[in-house]
């Protein structure tokens, strides 16, 4: 089935040959939230910067305060590498307040999976895409955007207000099912 999927335009000639299932396949499907992600494994993979989705990855739905475990993880990561918050959310005040709390740069209204805003972030980081990880909870925005530019992509579980994995996240479940129908394994 996957051999019949058309390819999607990408910047790198090698990426231009990626099929839809390959574009929807994260490099790492984490079993928990970002706060449970082993930072050392990212460093072992030579990741030097993190681009992080915000809604449902760092903050619970409509939340404005980072769960304590999330904040601890982000502070530890910040000591090891640059972080950039990258959100489709248009609220500069909401995303900006989280970025200000952490002292990191951010992008709102990113339009993922579009490449333009993500290219700008890569230019600011001055790192090759293979040294940058995009971490998020959505296949068709976060994973697809990162894969289109050759970043290391990590799919995490959405976070609830207590900072734990959301048990009933229908969007991620639907996206995973649809990605699997294209031939992506998501394992």
Protein backbone atom coordinates (compact mmCIF):
# COMPACT_ATOMS: atom_id res chain seq x y z
CA UNK A 1 0.00 0.00 0.00
CA UNK A 2 2.66 2.56 0.98
CA UNK A 3 4.56 2.21 -2.32
CA UNK A 4 1.69 3.98 -4.09
CA UNK A 5 1.72 7.10 -1.92
CA UNK A 6 3.02 10.19 -3.63
CA UNK A 7 6.05 12.00 -2.31
CA UNK A 8 5.85 15.42 -0.71
CA UNK A 9 8.25 18.23 -1.61
CA UNK A 10 11.11 18.72 0.79
CA UNK A 11 14.25 20.90 0.87
CA UNK A 12 16.88 18.17 0.85
CA UNK A 13 16.96 15.96 -2.30
CA UNK A 14 17.06 12.87 -0.06
CA UNK A 15 13.98 14.08 1.83
CA UNK A 16 12.15 14.81 -1.43
CA UNK A 17 11.87 11.06 -1.96
CA UNK A 18 10.05 10.45 1.31
CA UNK A 19 6.60 8.94 1.01
CA UNK A 20 3.65 10.00 3.13
CA UNK A 21 4.09 7.06 5.54
CA UNK A 22 7.74 8.02 6.00
CA UNK A 23 6.82 11.66 6.60
CA UNK A 24 4.30 10.62 9.26
CA UNK A 25 6.72 8.27 11.03
CA UNK A 26 8.39 9.85 14.08
CA UNK A 27 11.97 8.87 14.79
CA UNK A 28 10.97 8.14 18.38
CA UNK A 29 7.51 7.32 19.74
CA UNK A 30 7.82 8.04 23.45
CA UNK A 31 5.65 6.11 25.85
CA UNK A 32 4.93 9.12 28.04
CA UNK A 33 4.95 12.89 28.20
CA UNK A 34 7.89 15.19 27.49
CA UNK A 35 8.62 15.27 31.24
CA UNK A 36 9.21 11.50 31.11
CA UNK A 37 11.49 11.64 28.06
CA UNK A 38 15.05 10.57 28.94
CA UNK A 39 17.12 13.64 28.07
CA UNK A 40 20.29 11.54 27.97
CA UNK A 41 18.93 9.52 25.04
CA UNK A 42 18.49 12.71 23.02
CA UNK A 43 22.04 13.76 23.85
CA UNK A 44 23.34 10.30 22.90
CA UNK A 45 21.68 10.81 19.50
CA UNK A 46 23.76 14.02 19.18
CA UNK A 47 20.75 16.32 19.48
CA UNK A 48 22.00 19.83 20.24
CA UNK A 49 18.73 21.83 20.36
CA UNK A 50 15.03 21.23 20.95
CA UNK A 51 12.07 22.75 19.16
CA UNK A 52 9.04 22.11 21.36
CA UNK A 53 5.34 22.20 20.64
CA UNK A 54 3.43 23.91 23.46
CA UNK A 55 -0.29 23.00 23.54
CA UNK A 56 -0.76 19.52 24.97
CA UNK A 57 3.00 18.90 24.85
CA UNK A 58 4.12 21.35 27.56
CA UNK A 59 0.78 22.67 28.78
CA UNK A 60 -2.55 20.96 29.28
CA UNK A 61 -5.45 22.09 27.14
CA UNK A 62 -6.24 25.74 27.90
CA UNK A 63 -3.64 25.67 30.68
CA UNK A 64 -1.28 28.53 31.36
CA UNK A 65 1.01 27.05 34.01
CA UNK A 66 3.60 24.38 33.41
CA UNK A 67 3.06 21.25 35.49
CA UNK A 68 5.96 21.02 38.01
CA UNK A 69 7.46 17.86 36.43
CA UNK A 70 7.39 19.54 33.02
CA UNK A 71 9.10 22.67 34.33
CA UNK A 72 11.83 20.57 36.03
CA UNK A 73 12.49 18.66 32.80
CA UNK A 74 12.62 21.86 30.75
CA UNK A 75 15.05 23.50 33.20
CA UNK A 76 17.33 20.46 33.03
CA UNK A 77 17.16 20.40 29.22
CA UNK A 78 17.86 24.14 29.11
CA UNK A 79 21.16 23.57 30.91
CA UNK A 80 22.25 21.21 28.13
CA UNK A 81 20.93 22.82 24.94
CA UNK A 82 18.90 25.67 23.48
CA UNK A 83 15.11 25.37 23.53
CA UNK A 84 12.62 27.07 21.21
CA UNK A 85 8.85 26.96 21.72
CA UNK A 86 7.07 26.45 18.41
CA UNK A 87 3.28 26.65 18.40
CA UNK A 88 0.42 26.90 15.95
CA UNK A 89 -1.45 28.76 18.68
CA UNK A 90 -1.87 32.44 17.72
CA UNK A 91 -1.85 33.68 21.34
CA UNK A 92 1.39 35.61 21.80
CA UNK A 93 0.42 36.32 25.41
CA UNK A 94 -0.13 32.64 26.32
CA UNK A 95 2.88 31.18 24.49
CA UNK A 96 5.01 34.23 25.29
CA UNK A 97 4.31 33.93 29.01
CA UNK A 98 5.59 30.33 29.01
CA UNK A 99 8.64 31.34 26.97
CA UNK A 100 9.30 34.26 29.33
CA UNK A 101 8.98 31.99 32.37
CA UNK A 102 11.71 29.77 30.86
CA UNK A 103 13.72 32.54 29.23
CA UNK A 104 13.57 30.95 25.76
CA UNK A 105 12.67 32.10 22.26
CA UNK A 106 9.32 31.23 20.74
CA UNK A 107 7.20 31.25 17.60
CA UNK A 108 3.41 31.58 17.58
CA UNK A 109 1.02 30.98 14.69
CA UNK A 110 3.65 28.68 13.15
CA UNK A 111 1.30 27.05 10.66
CA UNK A 112 2.75 23.56 11.10
CA UNK A 113 3.34 21.54 8.96
CA UNK A 114 4.50 24.52 6.84
CA UNK A 115 8.26 24.75 6.57
CA UNK A 116 8.92 28.51 6.42
CA UNK A 117 8.65 29.37 10.13
CA UNK A 118 10.58 26.24 11.09
CA UNK A 119 13.35 27.15 8.62
CA UNK A 120 13.66 30.51 10.40
CA UNK A 121 14.10 28.74 13.74
CA UNK A 122 16.77 26.48 12.24
CA UNK A 123 18.57 29.55 10.89
CA UNK A 124 18.51 31.11 14.38
CA UNK A 125 19.85 27.93 15.95
CA UNK A 126 22.59 27.69 13.30
CA UNK A 127 22.57 23.89 13.51
CA UNK A 128 22.02 21.23 10.87
CA UNK A 129 18.46 19.81 11.00
CA UNK A 130 19.78 16.39 12.04
CA UNK A 131 21.07 17.95 15.29
CA UNK A 132 17.67 19.44 16.20
CA UNK A 133 14.74 17.48 17.62
CA UNK A 134 11.14 18.60 17.18
CA UNK A 135 9.06 17.23 20.06
CA UNK A 136 5.28 17.30 19.99
CA UNK A 137 2.07 15.38 20.52
CA UNK A 138 0.63 15.57 16.99
CA UNK A 139 1.51 13.43 13.98
CA UNK A 140 0.03 15.62 11.24
CA UNK A 141 1.55 18.87 12.51
CA UNK A 142 4.63 18.28 14.68
CA UNK A 143 6.01 15.07 13.19
CA UNK A 144 5.17 16.00 9.61
CA UNK A 145 6.72 19.49 9.96
CA UNK A 146 9.93 18.12 11.46
CA UNK A 147 10.27 15.30 8.96
CA UNK A 148 9.78 17.66 6.03
CA UNK A 149 12.99 19.43 7.03
CA UNK A 150 14.97 16.43 8.26
CA UNK A 151 14.76 17.09 12.00
CA UNK A 152 14.79 14.28 14.54
CA UNK A 153 11.10 13.91 15.45
CA UNK A 154 9.71 12.73 18.78
CA UNK A 155 6.04 11.98 19.40
CA UNK A 156 5.09 12.28 23.07
CA UNK A 157 1.83 11.72 24.91
CA UNK A 158 -0.31 14.82 25.49
CA UNK A 159 -0.16 16.16 29.04
CA UNK A 160 -3.11 16.59 31.40
CA UNK A 161 -3.42 19.31 34.10
CA UNK A 162 -1.54 17.13 36.61
CA UNK A 163 1.35 16.73 34.16
CA UNK A 164 0.53 13.08 33.48
CA UNK A 165 -0.23 11.49 30.10
CA UNK A 166 -3.75 12.22 28.90
CA UNK A 167 -5.63 8.93 28.88
CA UNK A 168 -8.35 9.97 26.48
CA UNK A 169 -6.67 12.07 23.83
CA UNK A 170 -8.90 11.47 20.85
CA UNK A 171 -6.91 13.67 18.44
CA UNK A 172 -3.65 11.81 18.89
CA UNK A 173 -5.42 8.45 18.77
CA UNK A 174 -7.15 9.42 15.52
CA UNK A 175 -3.94 10.73 13.94
CA UNK A 176 -2.02 7.58 14.90
CA UNK A 177 -4.75 5.42 13.32
CA UNK A 178 -4.74 7.50 10.14
CA UNK A 179 -0.93 7.43 9.93
CA UNK A 180 -0.99 3.65 10.33
CA UNK A 181 -3.52 3.41 7.49
CA UNK A 182 -0.95 5.10 5.23
CA UNK A 183 1.65 2.51 6.21
CA UNK A 184 3.48 4.32 9.02
CA UNK A 185 4.20 1.97 11.91
CA UNK A 186 4.52 4.46 14.79
CA UNK A 187 6.48 2.02 16.92
